[in-house]
Amino acid sequence: MIQRVTAPALFPPPTYSHASVVEAGTKLAFLAGSVPLDGQGNLVGEGDPARQAEQVIANLREQLRSVGSGLEYVLATDVYVVSSEPAVLSTVWEVVEASGLSSGPHSSTLIGVACLGYTGQLVEITATAVVPDLEEGTR
């Protein structure tokens, strides 16, 4: 169902693929940015990008579950981190790797930004995922 491709002429990426290809007719979900808020709208992990990334991944799991998908079906992500420091971006990427999200590996872009939508927010992840057809036994 999902073909993950690493272009042989390019430098091999560490934990992601260069492209993901899905056959026509597959149901896709395009998820809004997952943010580090709890169910009551409170910011989780103030000042802590790793803790915020954990909450973002937990929320992403819920977004995926609500459409009948899961982390293993994610094709592509954009990971936004409020920082210009590569070490901070790496810290967030370690959380992404530990979550299993990058086990596909999926296509991803890690981006340092100046600010995000909520006061104190340091991390946000957008995603595109396949919604498997469970009746055809694709899960």
C-alpha atoms as a PDB file:
ATOM      1  CA  MET A   1       0.000   0.000   0.000  1.00  0.00           C
ATOM      2  CA  ILE A   2       2.793   2.460   0.907  1.00  0.00           C
ATOM      3  CA  GLN A   3       6.076   2.538  -0.992  1.00  0.00           C
ATOM      4  CA  ARG A   4       8.773   4.489   0.821  1.00  0.00           C
ATOM      5  CA  VAL A   5      11.618   5.565  -1.441  1.00  0.00           C
ATOM      6  CA  THR A   6      15.162   6.697  -0.762  1.00  0.00           C
ATOM      7  CA  ALA A   7      16.641   8.095  -3.951  1.00  0.00           C
ATOM      8  CA  PRO A   8      19.908   6.221  -4.623  1.00  0.00           C
ATOM      9  CA  ALA A   9      21.603   9.304  -6.104  1.00  0.00           C
ATOM     10  CA  LEU A  10      21.016  11.362  -2.932  1.00  0.00           C
ATOM     11  CA  PHE A  11      22.705  11.206   0.447  1.00  0.00           C
ATOM     12  CA  PRO A  12      20.806   8.599   2.510  1.00  0.00           C
ATOM     13  CA  PRO A  13      18.639  10.282   5.153  1.00  0.00           C
ATOM     14  CA  PRO A  14      19.152   9.027   8.714  1.00  0.00           C
ATOM     15  CA  THR A  15      15.591   8.073   9.724  1.00  0.00           C
ATOM     16  CA  TYR A  16      13.211   9.152   6.994  1.00  0.00           C
ATOM     17  CA  SER A  17      12.575   8.520   3.307  1.00  0.00           C
ATOM     18  CA  HIS A  18      12.835  11.002   0.465  1.00  0.00           C
ATOM     19  CA  ALA A  19       9.358  10.170  -0.844  1.00  0.00           C
ATOM     20  CA  SER A  20       6.280   8.095  -0.133  1.00  0.00           C
ATOM     21  CA  VAL A  21       4.091   6.791  -2.944  1.00  0.00           C
ATOM     22  CA  VAL A  22       0.508   5.608  -2.544  1.00  0.00           C
ATOM     23  CA  GLU A  23      -1.553   3.959  -5.277  1.00  0.00           C
ATOM     24  CA  ALA A  24      -4.608   5.833  -6.517  1.00  0.00           C
ATOM     25  CA  GLY A  25      -7.809   4.950  -4.709  1.00  0.00           C
ATOM     26  CA  THR A  26      -6.256   4.951  -1.251  1.00  0.00           C
ATOM     27  CA  LYS A  27      -7.995   7.075   1.357  1.00  0.00           C
ATOM     28  CA  LEU A  28      -5.704   9.802   2.734  1.00  0.00           C
ATOM     29  CA  ALA A  29      -6.011  12.000   5.820  1.00  0.00           C
ATOM     30  CA  PHE A  30      -4.458  15.464   5.911  1.00  0.00           C
ATOM     31  CA  LEU A  31      -4.094  16.418   9.558  1.00  0.00           C
ATOM     32  CA  ALA A  32      -4.023  19.911  10.966  1.00  0.00           C
ATOM     33  CA  GLY A  33      -1.055  20.797  13.116  1.00  0.00           C
ATOM     34  CA  SER A  34      -0.921  18.787  16.317  1.00  0.00           C
ATOM     35  CA  VAL A  35      -0.131  21.087  19.238  1.00  0.00           C
ATOM     36  CA  PRO A  36       1.034  20.595  22.859  1.00  0.00           C
ATOM     37  CA  LEU A  37      -2.309  21.252  24.543  1.00  0.00           C
ATOM     38  CA  ASP A  38      -4.081  18.838  26.863  1.00  0.00           C
ATOM     39  CA  GLY A  39      -7.784  17.991  26.588  1.00  0.00           C
ATOM     40  CA  GLN A  40      -8.708  21.101  28.564  1.00  0.00           C
ATOM     41  CA  GLY A  41      -6.647  23.437  26.349  1.00  0.00           C
ATOM     42  CA  ASN A  42      -3.735  23.858  28.772  1.00  0.00           C
ATOM     43  CA  LEU A  43      -0.185  24.083  27.433  1.00  0.00           C
ATOM     44  CA  VAL A  44       1.843  20.981  28.379  1.00  0.00           C
ATOM     45  CA  GLY A  45       5.596  21.249  28.988  1.00  0.00           C
ATOM     46  CA  GLU A  46       6.053  24.997  29.200  1.00  0.00           C
ATOM     47  CA  GLY A  47       9.647  25.806  28.215  1.00  0.00           C
ATOM     48  CA  ASP A  48      10.437  22.126  27.508  1.00  0.00           C
ATOM     49  CA  PRO A  49      10.549  21.252  23.791  1.00  0.00           C
ATOM     50  CA  ALA A  50      10.992  17.509  24.438  1.00  0.00           C
ATOM     51  CA  ARG A  51       7.934  17.335  26.731  1.00  0.00           C
ATOM     52  CA  GLN A  52       5.923  19.389  24.266  1.00  0.00           C
ATOM     53  CA  ALA A  53       6.963  17.031  21.452  1.00  0.00           C
ATOM     54  CA  GLU A  54       5.723  14.073  23.513  1.00  0.00           C
ATOM     55  CA  GLN A  55       2.329  15.767  23.963  1.00  0.00           C
ATOM     56  CA  VAL A  56       2.202  16.662  20.268  1.00  0.00           C
ATOM     57  CA  ILE A  57       2.832  13.004  19.337  1.00  0.00           C
ATOM     58  CA  ALA A  58       0.153  11.858  21.810  1.00  0.00           C
ATOM     59  CA  ASN A  59      -2.295  14.312  20.254  1.00  0.00           C
ATOM     60  CA  LEU A  60      -1.262  13.219  16.760  1.00  0.00           C
ATOM     61  CA  ARG A  61      -2.058   9.614  17.740  1.00  0.00           C
ATOM     62  CA  GLU A  62      -5.549  10.762  18.773  1.00  0.00           C
ATOM     63  CA  GLN A  63      -6.051  12.689  15.530  1.00  0.00           C
ATOM     64  CA  LEU A  64      -5.054   9.598  13.558  1.00  0.00           C
ATOM     65  CA  ARG A  65      -7.226   7.291  15.674  1.00  0.00           C
ATOM     66  CA  SER A  66     -10.230   9.559  15.082  1.00  0.00           C
ATOM     67  CA  VAL A  67      -9.979   8.912  11.323  1.00  0.00           C
ATOM     68  CA  GLY A  68      -9.192   5.189  11.599  1.00  0.00           C
ATOM     69  CA  SER A  69      -5.434   5.423  11.116  1.00  0.00           C
ATOM     70  CA  GLY A  70      -2.263   5.289  13.219  1.00  0.00           C
ATOM     71  CA  LEU A  71       1.348   6.431  13.397  1.00  0.00           C
ATOM     72  CA  GLU A  72       2.469   3.498  11.227  1.00  0.00           C
ATOM     73  CA  TYR A  73       0.388   4.874   8.323  1.00  0.00           C
ATOM     74  CA  VAL A  74       1.882   8.383   8.333  1.00  0.00           C
ATOM     75  CA  LEU A  75       3.377   9.245   4.951  1.00  0.00           C
ATOM     76  CA  ALA A  76       4.750  12.726   5.602  1.00  0.00           C
ATOM     77  CA  THR A  77       5.202  15.231   8.405  1.00  0.00           C
ATOM     78  CA  ASP A  78       6.376  18.768   8.915  1.00  0.00           C
ATOM     79  CA  VAL A  79       7.877  19.198  12.395  1.00  0.00           C
ATOM     80  CA  TYR A  80       7.999  22.841  13.513  1.00  0.00           C
ATOM     81  CA  VAL A  81      10.225  23.826  16.447  1.00  0.00           C
ATOM     82  CA  VAL A  82      10.582  27.314  17.887  1.00  0.00           C
ATOM     83  CA  SER A  83      14.380  27.563  17.825  1.00  0.00           C
ATOM     84  CA  SER A  84      17.316  28.417  15.632  1.00  0.00           C
ATOM     85  CA  GLU A  85      19.555  25.976  17.514  1.00  0.00           C
ATOM     86  CA  PRO A  86      20.228  22.631  15.787  1.00  0.00           C
ATOM     87  CA  ALA A  87      20.588  20.942  19.199  1.00  0.00           C
ATOM     88  CA  VAL A  88      17.010  21.894  20.147  1.00  0.00           C
ATOM     89  CA  LEU A  89      15.705  20.633  16.811  1.00  0.00           C
ATOM     90  CA  SER A  90      17.629  17.387  17.353  1.00  0.00           C
ATOM     91  CA  THR A  91      16.087  16.977  20.801  1.00  0.00           C
ATOM     92  CA  VAL A  92      12.606  17.196  19.304  1.00  0.00           C
ATOM     93  CA  TRP A  93      13.563  14.801  16.484  1.00  0.00           C
ATOM     94  CA  GLU A  94      14.720  12.259  19.073  1.00  0.00           C
ATOM     95  CA  VAL A  95      11.191  12.301  20.521  1.00  0.00           C
ATOM     96  CA  VAL A  96       9.763  11.787  17.020  1.00  0.00           C
ATOM     97  CA  GLU A  97      12.083   8.821  16.474  1.00  0.00           C
ATOM     98  CA  ALA A  98      11.269   7.284  19.860  1.00  0.00           C
ATOM     99  CA  SER A  99       7.529   7.519  19.143  1.00  0.00           C
ATOM    100  CA  GLY A 100       7.769   5.067  16.263  1.00  0.00           C
ATOM    101  CA  LEU A 101       6.503   7.727  13.890  1.00  0.00           C
ATOM    102  CA  SER A 102       9.707   7.637  11.868  1.00  0.00           C
ATOM    103  CA  SER A 103       9.858   3.824  11.738  1.00  0.00           C
ATOM    104  CA  GLY A 104       8.299   3.787   8.236  1.00  0.00           C
ATOM    105  CA  PRO A 105      10.433   5.687   7.565  1.00  0.00           C
ATOM    106  CA  HIS A 106       8.135   8.477   6.469  1.00  0.00           C
ATOM    107  CA  SER A 107       9.031  11.649   4.577  1.00  0.00           C
ATOM    108  CA  SER A 108       9.638  14.525   6.961  1.00  0.00           C
ATOM    109  CA  THR A 109      10.899  18.078   7.184  1.00  0.00           C
ATOM    110  CA  LEU A 110      12.268  19.474  10.460  1.00  0.00           C
ATOM    111  CA  ILE A 111      11.871  23.252  10.551  1.00  0.00           C
ATOM    112  CA  GLY A 112      13.100  25.894  13.012  1.00  0.00           C
ATOM    113  CA  VAL A 113      10.620  28.779  13.254  1.00  0.00           C
ATOM    114  CA  ALA A 114      10.316  32.090  15.115  1.00  0.00           C
ATOM    115  CA  CYS A 115       6.951  31.383  16.774  1.00  0.00           C
ATOM    116  CA  LEU A 116       3.841  29.206  16.676  1.00  0.00           C
ATOM    117  CA  GLY A 117       0.155  29.874  17.325  1.00  0.00           C
ATOM    118  CA  TYR A 118      -0.194  29.483  21.106  1.00  0.00           C
ATOM    119  CA  THR A 119       1.665  31.477  23.740  1.00  0.00           C
ATOM    120  CA  GLY A 120       4.558  29.306  24.954  1.00  0.00           C
ATOM    121  CA  GLN A 121       4.144  26.738  22.183  1.00  0.00           C
ATOM    122  CA  LEU A 122       7.483  25.319  21.007  1.00  0.00           C
ATOM    123  CA  VAL A 123       6.471  22.336  18.819  1.00  0.00           C
ATOM    124  CA  GLU A 124       3.837  21.505  16.194  1.00  0.00           C
ATOM    125  CA  ILE A 125       3.558  18.617  13.734  1.00  0.00           C
ATOM    126  CA  THR A 126       1.394  18.387  10.612  1.00  0.00           C
ATOM    127  CA  ALA A 127       0.884  15.014   8.952  1.00  0.00           C
ATOM    128  CA  THR A 128      -0.508  13.193   5.948  1.00  0.00           C
ATOM    129  CA  ALA A 129      -1.520   9.571   6.502  1.00  0.00           C
ATOM    130  CA  VAL A 130      -3.178   6.635   4.802  1.00  0.00           C
ATOM    131  CA  VAL A 131      -6.494   5.550   6.265  1.00  0.00           C
ATOM    132  CA  PRO A 132      -6.374   1.758   5.862  1.00  0.00           C
ATOM    133  CA  ASP A 133      -9.387  -0.149   4.613  1.00  0.00           C
ATOM    134  CA  LEU A 134      -9.815  -2.587   7.495  1.00  0.00           C
ATOM    135  CA  GLU A 135     -12.429  -4.579   5.597  1.00  0.00           C
ATOM    136  CA  GLU A 136      -9.784  -5.519   3.013  1.00  0.00           C
ATOM    137  CA  GLY A 137      -7.379  -6.580   5.760  1.00  0.00           C
ATOM    138  CA  THR A 138      -4.755  -3.918   5.061  1.00  0.00           C
ATOM    139  CA  ARG A 139      -4.019  -3.170   8.685  1.00  0.00           C
END
